Amino acid sequence: MEDVITEIPPPSRFYQEDLNTFTPPSTPIPSPFLLFSNPKPKEPLRPSLLIIAISSSSLYIFHHLPSKELVGSLVLPELPFSGNSTEPSLRDKSCNIYSIGDGNNLILLVSVQCPVAAERSHIVAKLLIGEQIVPERVLVLDSVQRQNFRGRLSPDDIFAFKLETSSERKGLGGSIALKGVDYFPSGSVVEGLAAALLSRCEMRKIKGTLCVTWPEVGSSAVSLVKSLLKKVLPSLDLSICAGAEDEYFRSSHIKDNLFDSKLYT
């Protein structure tokens, strides 16, 4: 008698390419786009520095930055607007663009508070760098991911690493290179939007720096990112009210407990 469990199943009656004929094609997702508050901006915008905040600590710092002006947004059609507040909030799934400089020394800040899928990273990077926005320099702030880091990570560790484009490393025409910050160790990986943005800078021959920090959240993370930003923009006011800090630190402590696992160590 045949063993129905271990017996090799018969071949399918259909060819692999014929199986898709029974499944309706998925609806294509519309392309993301930039929406500016000025209907007719002087395009392309040419900031002296474009800062793109992805990590939780950098988003928190720039959310409480007093001297910023909302100038536009990056709209991802796959993300619903429901649940977002009328005023910018750290709980919103949004991607706002702010101006933190004057006309002579324009500095743009992009707060990426929404998840960007890996397959959408390159099209988002193309929108932010090189078409409607042509920056002289780019600084990307992200955090180290446990699963991509070669080595053991402890919640008590505090460090920052950087990756640079070839033009930034050569220091042509000045540099925003973070002095005293080591390069990202070999064998560790940066992926997603941060990697796509740095690749975009390399392709466009734009001076670009990607800085990744650890830990992702907490008072030490905020202090570390603040010290790094002071090296890039010494005159930037990074004062934050104490009440906001306390609320953030309590929520970040909860987040640390949830993700503090030996799975990726």
Protein backbone atom coordinates (compact mmCIF):
# COMPACT_ATOMS: atom_id res chain seq x y z
CA MET A 1 0.00 0.00 0.00
CA GLU A 2 1.29 3.44 -0.88
CA ASP A 3 2.25 5.87 1.85
CA VAL A 4 0.29 9.04 1.08
CA ILE A 5 2.48 11.09 3.39
CA THR A 6 5.93 10.23 2.03
CA GLU A 7 4.97 9.41 -1.57
CA ILE A 8 6.14 12.00 -4.10
CA PRO A 9 3.07 13.98 -5.24
CA PRO A 10 2.10 13.81 -8.92
CA PRO A 11 3.12 16.72 -11.13
CA SER A 12 0.72 19.61 -11.51
CA ARG A 13 -1.61 19.53 -14.50
CA PHE A 14 -0.80 23.19 -15.15
CA TYR A 15 2.34 24.93 -16.25
CA GLN A 16 3.67 27.44 -13.73
CA GLU A 17 2.90 30.40 -16.01
CA ASP A 18 -0.71 29.20 -16.43
CA LEU A 19 -1.42 29.31 -12.70
CA ASN A 20 -1.47 33.13 -12.74
CA THR A 21 -4.36 33.19 -15.23
CA PHE A 22 -6.78 32.35 -12.42
CA THR A 23 -5.61 35.26 -10.23
CA PRO A 24 -6.72 38.78 -11.13
CA PRO A 25 -3.79 41.20 -11.51
CA SER A 26 -3.14 43.39 -8.50
CA THR A 27 -3.99 47.06 -8.79
CA PRO A 28 -0.81 49.10 -9.36
CA ILE A 29 0.08 51.50 -6.57
CA PRO A 30 0.19 55.15 -7.67
CA SER A 31 3.59 56.81 -7.58
CA PRO A 32 4.49 58.98 -4.59
CA PHE A 33 4.75 62.72 -5.17
CA LEU A 34 5.86 65.97 -3.52
CA LEU A 35 3.29 68.56 -2.49
CA PHE A 36 4.57 72.06 -1.67
CA SER A 37 2.73 74.79 0.25
CA ASN A 38 3.71 77.25 -2.47
CA PRO A 39 1.80 76.18 -5.62
CA LYS A 40 4.55 77.62 -7.83
CA PRO A 41 7.86 77.18 -6.02
CA LYS A 42 11.12 78.14 -7.65
CA GLU A 43 11.94 74.69 -8.86
CA PRO A 44 14.18 73.02 -8.32
CA LEU A 45 14.84 73.98 -4.73
CA ARG A 46 18.58 74.25 -4.11
CA PRO A 47 19.26 74.02 -0.37
CA SER A 48 22.81 74.24 0.90
CA LEU A 49 22.01 71.27 3.15
CA LEU A 50 19.25 68.65 3.09
CA ILE A 51 18.76 66.75 6.35
CA ILE A 52 16.63 63.60 6.22
CA ALA A 53 15.59 62.31 9.64
CA ILE A 54 14.61 58.64 9.83
CA SER A 55 15.64 57.51 13.33
CA SER A 56 13.26 57.98 16.25
CA SER A 57 15.69 60.22 18.15
CA SER A 58 16.31 62.56 15.20
CA LEU A 59 12.57 62.78 14.47
CA TYR A 60 11.94 63.69 18.08
CA ILE A 61 14.59 66.43 18.07
CA PHE A 62 13.39 68.05 14.86
CA HIS A 63 9.74 67.77 15.84
CA HIS A 64 10.45 70.10 18.79
CA LEU A 65 12.72 72.42 16.78
CA PRO A 66 11.26 75.91 17.29
CA SER A 67 12.72 77.59 14.19
CA LYS A 68 11.23 75.57 11.37
CA GLU A 69 8.58 76.26 8.73
CA LEU A 70 6.46 73.66 6.96
CA VAL A 71 6.99 74.02 3.20
CA GLY A 72 5.76 70.72 1.79
CA SER A 73 5.12 67.00 2.17
CA LEU A 74 5.97 63.73 0.52
CA VAL A 75 2.75 61.82 -0.16
CA LEU A 76 2.77 58.03 -0.30
CA PRO A 77 -0.62 56.97 -1.75
CA GLU A 78 -0.48 53.57 -0.04
CA LEU A 79 -0.59 55.19 3.41
CA PRO A 80 -4.00 56.42 4.61
CA PHE A 81 -4.38 59.88 6.13
CA SER A 82 -6.87 58.63 8.70
CA GLY A 83 -5.57 58.91 12.24
CA ASN A 84 -3.25 61.84 11.50
CA SER A 85 -3.77 65.02 13.49
CA THR A 86 -4.35 68.46 11.99
CA GLU A 87 -1.10 69.72 13.54
CA PRO A 88 2.21 67.86 13.03
CA SER A 89 2.56 65.10 15.61
CA LEU A 90 5.12 62.38 16.27
CA ARG A 91 2.28 59.85 16.18
CA ASP A 92 1.36 60.74 12.59
CA LYS A 93 2.36 58.58 9.65
CA SER A 94 3.62 61.44 7.54
CA CYS A 95 6.66 62.78 5.71
CA ASN A 96 6.86 66.56 6.08
CA ILE A 97 9.41 68.94 4.59
CA TYR A 98 10.52 71.93 6.66
CA SER A 99 12.70 74.96 6.03
CA ILE A 100 15.13 75.88 8.81
CA GLY A 101 17.14 78.54 7.03
CA ASP A 102 16.77 81.82 5.16
CA GLY A 103 16.80 82.40 1.43
CA ASN A 104 20.55 82.92 1.26
CA ASN A 105 21.37 79.77 3.19
CA LEU A 106 18.37 77.51 2.70
CA ILE A 107 18.38 74.32 4.78
CA LEU A 108 15.65 71.74 4.26
CA LEU A 109 14.62 69.10 6.75
CA VAL A 110 12.61 65.99 5.83
CA SER A 111 10.98 64.13 8.74
CA VAL A 112 10.21 60.59 7.60
CA GLN A 113 7.61 59.47 10.16
CA CYS A 114 6.03 56.84 7.92
CA PRO A 115 7.27 53.38 6.94
CA VAL A 116 8.75 53.21 3.44
CA ALA A 117 8.68 49.74 1.88
CA ALA A 118 11.94 48.45 0.44
CA GLU A 119 10.52 48.36 -3.08
CA ARG A 120 9.51 52.04 -2.77
CA SER A 121 12.80 53.29 -1.32
CA HIS A 122 14.49 54.15 -4.60
CA ILE A 123 11.55 56.07 -6.04
CA VAL A 124 11.27 58.05 -2.78
CA ALA A 125 15.01 58.76 -2.83
CA LYS A 126 14.69 59.96 -6.43
CA LEU A 127 11.92 62.38 -5.41
CA LEU A 128 13.83 63.81 -2.47
CA ILE A 129 17.21 64.15 -4.18
CA GLY A 130 18.00 65.36 -7.65
CA GLU A 131 14.71 66.40 -9.29
CA GLN A 132 12.58 68.97 -7.47
CA ILE A 133 15.17 69.23 -4.70
CA VAL A 134 18.82 69.60 -5.70
CA PRO A 135 20.91 69.96 -2.54
CA GLU A 136 24.58 70.79 -2.28
CA ARG A 137 24.98 68.36 0.61
CA VAL A 138 22.85 65.68 2.24
CA LEU A 139 22.87 64.35 5.80
CA VAL A 140 20.79 61.24 6.56
CA LEU A 141 20.14 60.33 10.19
CA ASP A 142 19.14 56.73 10.87
CA SER A 143 19.66 54.14 13.61
CA VAL A 144 21.58 50.87 13.74
CA GLN A 145 19.42 47.79 13.24
CA ARG A 146 20.31 44.80 15.39
CA GLN A 147 19.73 42.24 12.65
CA ASN A 148 22.11 44.07 10.28
CA PHE A 149 24.94 44.77 12.70
CA ARG A 150 27.94 42.46 12.91
CA GLY A 151 28.54 42.22 16.61
CA ARG A 152 26.74 42.18 19.92
CA LEU A 153 24.63 45.21 20.83
CA SER A 154 23.80 46.09 24.41
CA PRO A 155 21.15 48.64 25.47
CA ASP A 156 23.93 50.34 27.46
CA ASP A 157 26.13 50.90 24.39
CA ILE A 158 26.22 54.39 22.89
CA PHE A 159 27.91 55.00 19.55
CA ALA A 160 27.60 56.50 16.08
CA PHE A 161 28.96 55.43 12.71
CA LYS A 162 28.99 57.07 9.31
CA LEU A 163 29.06 56.25 5.61
CA GLU A 164 29.99 58.84 2.97
CA THR A 165 29.83 59.29 -0.77
CA SER A 166 33.10 59.51 -2.66
CA SER A 167 32.74 63.28 -3.21
CA GLU A 168 32.11 63.86 0.51
CA ARG A 169 35.08 61.70 1.46
CA LYS A 170 37.35 63.70 -0.83
CA GLY A 171 36.16 66.92 0.80
CA LEU A 172 35.72 68.80 -2.47
CA GLY A 173 34.46 72.33 -1.87
CA GLY A 174 34.27 71.90 1.89
CA SER A 175 32.76 69.08 3.91
CA ILE A 176 30.23 68.34 6.63
CA ALA A 177 32.18 65.22 7.54
CA LEU A 178 31.50 64.35 11.18
CA LYS A 179 34.87 64.56 12.88
CA GLY A 180 35.53 61.86 15.42
CA VAL A 181 32.83 59.57 14.05
CA ASP A 182 34.11 56.18 12.87
CA TYR A 183 33.08 54.58 9.61
CA PHE A 184 30.45 51.86 9.69
CA PRO A 185 32.26 48.56 10.42
CA SER A 186 32.81 46.10 7.61
CA GLY A 187 30.34 43.23 7.55
CA SER A 188 27.46 45.34 8.88
CA VAL A 189 24.65 46.35 6.56
CA VAL A 190 22.48 49.43 6.03
CA GLU A 191 19.32 48.85 4.03
CA GLY A 192 16.01 50.45 3.13
CA LEU A 193 15.47 54.14 2.57
CA ALA A 194 18.75 55.24 4.17
CA ALA A 195 20.78 53.09 1.78
CA ALA A 196 18.73 54.26 -1.21
CA LEU A 197 19.30 57.91 -0.28
CA LEU A 198 23.06 57.47 0.00
CA SER A 199 23.13 55.59 -3.31
CA ARG A 200 21.16 58.41 -4.91
CA CYS A 201 23.73 60.93 -3.67
CA GLU A 202 26.54 58.82 -5.10
CA MET A 203 24.84 58.57 -8.49
CA ARG A 204 24.24 62.34 -8.62
CA LYS A 205 27.78 63.10 -7.34
CA ILE A 206 26.29 64.95 -4.34
CA LYS A 207 28.23 65.20 -1.09
CA GLY A 208 26.29 62.87 1.17
CA THR A 209 26.75 61.46 4.68
CA LEU A 210 24.71 58.74 6.35
CA CYS A 211 25.03 58.69 10.14
CA VAL A 212 23.62 55.75 12.10
CA THR A 213 23.39 55.79 15.89
CA TRP A 214 22.73 53.37 18.73
CA PRO A 215 20.58 53.12 20.80
CA GLU A 216 17.54 53.98 18.73
CA VAL A 217 15.53 55.63 21.51
CA GLY A 218 16.07 57.08 24.96
CA SER A 219 17.76 60.07 26.56
CA SER A 220 21.24 58.88 25.58
CA ALA A 221 20.16 58.57 21.93
CA VAL A 222 18.75 62.11 21.92
CA SER A 223 21.90 63.53 23.54
CA LEU A 224 24.11 61.74 21.01
CA VAL A 225 22.20 63.02 17.98
CA LYS A 226 22.18 66.52 19.45
CA SER A 227 25.97 66.48 19.81
CA LEU A 228 26.34 65.31 16.21
CA LEU A 229 24.03 68.03 14.88
CA LYS A 230 25.98 70.67 16.79
CA LYS A 231 29.04 69.72 14.75
CA VAL A 232 27.13 70.24 11.51
CA LEU A 233 25.00 73.26 12.50
CA PRO A 234 26.58 74.99 15.52
CA SER A 235 24.06 77.86 15.48
CA LEU A 236 20.97 75.60 15.44
CA ASP A 237 18.72 75.96 18.50
CA LEU A 238 18.15 72.43 19.81
CA SER A 239 16.45 73.37 23.07
CA ILE A 240 13.56 71.07 24.04
CA CYS A 241 11.09 71.56 26.85
CA ALA A 242 11.64 69.21 29.80
CA GLY A 243 8.04 67.94 29.83
CA ALA A 244 8.29 66.75 26.25
CA GLU A 245 11.58 65.00 27.03
CA ASP A 246 10.07 63.15 30.02
CA GLU A 247 7.12 61.90 27.97
CA TYR A 248 9.42 60.71 25.19
CA PHE A 249 11.81 58.96 27.57
CA ARG A 250 8.97 57.06 29.26
CA SER A 251 7.60 55.83 25.92
CA SER A 252 11.06 54.99 24.62
CA HIS A 253 11.79 52.95 27.76
CA ILE A 254 8.72 50.83 26.99
CA LYS A 255 9.89 50.43 23.39
CA ASP A 256 13.34 49.36 24.58
CA ASN A 257 11.82 46.62 26.74
CA LEU A 258 9.75 45.33 23.84
CA PHE A 259 12.68 45.07 21.43
CA ASP A 260 15.40 44.12 23.90
CA SER A 261 15.90 40.55 22.76
CA LYS A 262 18.91 38.28 22.29
CA LEU A 263 17.53 37.16 18.95
CA TYR A 264 19.82 39.53 16.99
CA THR A 265 22.85 39.57 19.31
